[in-house]
Structure formats: structure tokens, C-alpha cells
Amino acid sequence: MSERDENGDEPDDENGGFDEPVDEPADETTTEETAADESPGREPTASEETTGTAATGSPGPDEQYCSSCGEIIKKEAEICPHCGVRQKPAVPSSSKDRTTAGILAILLGGIGVHKFYLGETGMGVLYLCFSWTLIPAIVGFIEGLLYLTKTDEEFQRQYVND
């Protein structure tokens, strides 16, 4: 007579013994719980709060989009950890240099060359019209010193980016 297990099954020749019960994964998460995790009204986790990627998917203050794959990465990252593409450095918004503007204002401020350089044509014409009084030369010299004492960011924000 043949041998039987506690369920009354016969031995299985493929695995050399009795049928073994199949263990189901111990995943207790239901579809309702998963849907609740993705709901827009839920609170973001601590990692989502620090990365700025909660429900909006927008980069945080110290993050940016990868120029190649579009993933959110740190601004300091030279290479995207997702796609491996080197990130391009940020291009200044304008080609106006504060040192050039300062030197032009000190040397040629009397005829308003620095104002033309910065795109302020109306002020440049005004300086040119009153250049015979030497007042624009004095003001231009002072403006040149102000340009040279500012940081690049301050100069761009105040004189270039209108």
C-alpha cells in the first residue's frame, strides 16, 4: 500500500515527497490601504517633506529637474543619479558684467556710456545732453564705484534684471 500524508495525498514523484503547501506572501496591505496612501489629502512622509516631492511633484528650494531625464535632483549634483548625464551649469540671465559697467561709468560716465551698456538708452541720452556741465561725469564716477562694490548677484538684480 502507498504512503499518504496527513491530508491523505499520495507522494509526488516530481519533488520526491509529499505535496508541500504553498505559502502565500504575508502582504497584509489591501487595495483600500494603498489607495488611501495615494490620496491627495494625506499627510506627506518625512522624506517627501524634505525633498519637496509630496503630492505636487515639484522640486524643493535646493532641488532642480535633470536636464536630460527630468527627474528631481539636488542643485549641487554635477551628474544625475538617475540617468548619469552631467548637468550644465546655470547660465547667467544676462551678459552684462558689473566690472565692465563700473569701468565704463568711471572713465566714460560723463557721456553716459555705462547707461547705454546697461540698456538704459533714455538715461544715456540724458547724460549725453548734459555732459557739458560735468555733472554726469561726477554722477558717473560715483555710479562706477557703486557698481564695483556690489556683488554680482546684487548688480544683476538691481541694474540688469528689470
Protein backbone atom coordinates (compact mmCIF):
# COMPACT_ATOMS: atom_id res chain seq x y z
CA MET A 1 0.00 0.00 0.00
CA SER A 2 1.19 3.54 -0.65
CA GLU A 3 2.22 6.06 1.89
CA ARG A 4 -0.08 9.08 2.48
CA ASP A 5 0.41 12.41 4.22
CA GLU A 6 -1.88 13.91 6.84
CA ASN A 7 -4.24 15.22 4.14
CA GLY A 8 -4.47 11.84 2.50
CA ASP A 9 -2.45 12.85 -0.57
CA GLU A 10 -0.16 10.41 -2.35
CA PRO A 11 3.55 11.18 -2.69
CA ASP A 12 4.55 13.41 -5.59
CA ASP A 13 7.34 11.96 -7.73
CA GLU A 14 8.47 15.31 -9.09
CA ASN A 15 9.70 16.67 -5.79
CA GLY A 16 10.40 13.30 -4.23
CA GLY A 17 7.91 13.60 -1.43
CA PHE A 18 4.52 14.78 -0.48
CA ASP A 19 2.92 17.89 -1.83
CA GLU A 20 4.02 20.83 0.23
CA PRO A 21 1.60 23.61 0.99
CA VAL A 22 2.21 26.79 -0.95
CA ASP A 23 2.98 29.73 1.32
CA GLU A 24 1.17 32.90 0.34
CA PRO A 25 3.11 36.14 0.76
CA ALA A 26 2.46 37.83 4.08
CA ASP A 27 1.49 41.14 2.44
CA GLU A 28 -1.32 42.45 4.59
CA THR A 29 -1.81 45.65 2.54
CA THR A 30 -5.20 45.83 0.93
CA THR A 31 -6.16 47.90 -2.08
CA GLU A 32 -8.08 50.31 0.16
CA GLU A 33 -4.95 50.97 2.23
CA THR A 34 -2.88 51.50 -0.93
CA ALA A 35 -5.47 53.89 -2.32
CA ALA A 36 -5.53 55.76 0.98
CA ASP A 37 -1.73 56.19 0.81
CA GLU A 38 -2.01 57.84 -2.61
CA SER A 39 -4.95 60.09 -1.80
CA PRO A 40 -4.32 63.82 -2.27
CA GLY A 41 -5.46 64.70 1.24
CA ARG A 42 -2.90 62.53 3.03
CA GLU A 43 0.00 63.94 5.03
CA PRO A 44 3.40 63.72 3.27
CA THR A 45 6.03 61.50 4.83
CA ALA A 46 9.19 62.95 6.36
CA SER A 47 11.26 62.07 3.29
CA GLU A 48 8.70 63.70 0.99
CA GLU A 49 8.70 66.86 3.09
CA THR A 50 12.47 67.21 2.90
CA THR A 51 12.65 66.53 -0.83
CA GLY A 52 9.64 68.62 -1.79
CA THR A 53 8.13 65.77 -3.82
CA ALA A 54 4.89 65.27 -1.90
CA ALA A 55 1.67 65.50 -3.87
CA THR A 56 2.88 68.22 -6.27
CA GLY A 57 6.00 66.56 -7.67
CA SER A 58 7.76 69.93 -7.87
CA PRO A 59 11.37 70.42 -6.77
CA GLY A 60 12.12 71.87 -3.37
CA PRO A 61 14.22 75.00 -2.78
CA ASP A 62 17.51 73.07 -3.03
CA GLU A 63 16.41 70.88 -5.96
CA GLN A 64 16.02 71.13 -9.72
CA TYR A 65 14.96 69.00 -12.67
CA CYS A 66 17.57 66.93 -14.52
CA SER A 67 18.27 68.48 -17.92
CA SER A 68 18.10 65.05 -19.58
CA CYS A 69 15.62 62.74 -17.83
CA GLY A 70 13.53 65.32 -15.93
CA GLU A 71 13.91 63.65 -12.52
CA ILE A 72 14.17 65.85 -9.43
CA ILE A 73 17.81 66.08 -8.27
CA LYS A 74 19.83 68.25 -5.88
CA LYS A 75 21.02 71.59 -7.28
CA GLU A 76 24.59 70.74 -6.25
CA ALA A 77 24.57 67.50 -8.25
CA GLU A 78 27.02 67.56 -11.15
CA ILE A 79 25.77 64.22 -12.50
CA CYS A 80 22.17 62.96 -12.38
CA PRO A 81 21.98 59.81 -10.20
CA HIS A 82 19.06 58.51 -12.29
CA CYS A 83 20.42 58.78 -15.85
CA GLY A 84 24.12 59.61 -15.33
CA VAL A 85 24.10 62.75 -17.51
CA ARG A 86 26.35 65.65 -16.47
CA GLN A 87 24.32 68.74 -15.61
CA LYS A 88 25.02 72.02 -17.35
CA PRO A 89 25.94 74.94 -15.07
CA ALA A 90 23.36 77.68 -14.74
CA VAL A 91 23.77 80.32 -17.42
CA PRO A 92 23.61 83.89 -16.20
CA SER A 93 20.44 85.65 -17.32
CA SER A 94 22.34 88.48 -18.97
CA SER A 95 25.73 89.17 -20.45
CA LYS A 96 26.09 92.48 -18.59
CA ASP A 97 29.21 92.45 -16.46
CA ARG A 98 29.42 94.66 -13.39
CA THR A 99 33.16 95.23 -13.79
CA THR A 100 32.71 96.45 -17.37
CA ALA A 101 29.82 98.69 -16.33
CA GLY A 102 31.87 100.08 -13.43
CA ILE A 103 34.91 100.86 -15.56
CA LEU A 104 32.76 102.45 -18.26
CA ALA A 105 31.00 104.57 -15.61
CA ILE A 106 34.28 105.77 -14.10
CA LEU A 107 36.06 106.51 -17.38
CA LEU A 108 33.20 107.50 -19.72
CA GLY A 109 30.36 108.19 -17.29
CA GLY A 110 30.29 111.86 -18.32
CA ILE A 111 28.77 110.94 -21.68
CA GLY A 112 26.59 108.09 -20.31
CA VAL A 113 28.33 105.13 -21.97
CA HIS A 114 27.63 102.92 -18.93
CA LYS A 115 23.90 103.66 -19.22
CA PHE A 116 23.87 102.64 -22.89
CA TYR A 117 25.79 99.48 -21.93
CA LEU A 118 23.14 98.58 -19.33
CA GLY A 119 20.32 99.17 -21.81
CA GLU A 120 19.09 102.42 -20.26
CA THR A 121 19.08 104.42 -23.50
CA GLY A 122 16.96 107.28 -22.17
CA MET A 123 19.33 107.90 -19.25
CA GLY A 124 22.29 107.60 -21.63
CA VAL A 125 20.87 110.32 -23.85
CA LEU A 126 20.21 112.49 -20.77
CA TYR A 127 23.83 112.07 -19.61
CA LEU A 128 25.00 112.89 -23.14
CA CYS A 129 22.87 116.06 -23.32
CA PHE A 130 24.18 117.38 -20.01
CA SER A 131 27.77 116.23 -20.44
CA TRP A 132 28.96 119.85 -20.93
CA THR A 133 28.04 120.59 -17.28
CA LEU A 134 30.36 117.88 -15.88
CA ILE A 135 27.56 116.79 -13.52
CA PRO A 136 27.10 113.46 -15.38
CA ALA A 137 30.85 112.85 -15.03
CA ILE A 138 30.65 113.19 -11.23
CA VAL A 139 27.50 111.06 -11.03
CA GLY A 140 29.01 108.51 -13.41
CA PHE A 141 32.14 108.24 -11.25
CA ILE A 142 30.03 107.61 -8.13
CA GLU A 143 27.87 105.07 -10.01
CA GLY A 144 31.01 103.28 -11.18
CA LEU A 145 32.20 102.93 -7.60
CA LEU A 146 28.76 101.64 -6.56
CA TYR A 147 28.78 99.06 -9.38
CA LEU A 148 32.21 97.78 -8.36
CA THR A 149 31.32 97.47 -4.66
CA LYS A 150 28.21 95.34 -5.26
CA THR A 151 28.22 91.56 -5.58
CA ASP A 152 27.42 90.06 -8.98
CA GLU A 153 24.01 88.90 -7.72
CA GLU A 154 23.11 92.34 -6.35
CA PHE A 155 24.27 94.03 -9.55
CA GLN A 156 22.25 91.67 -11.77
CA ARG A 157 19.15 92.05 -9.61
CA GLN A 158 19.31 95.85 -9.31
CA TYR A 159 20.65 97.09 -12.65
CA VAL A 160 20.19 94.32 -15.24
CA ASN A 161 17.06 92.30 -14.41
CA ASP A 162 14.24 94.80 -14.59
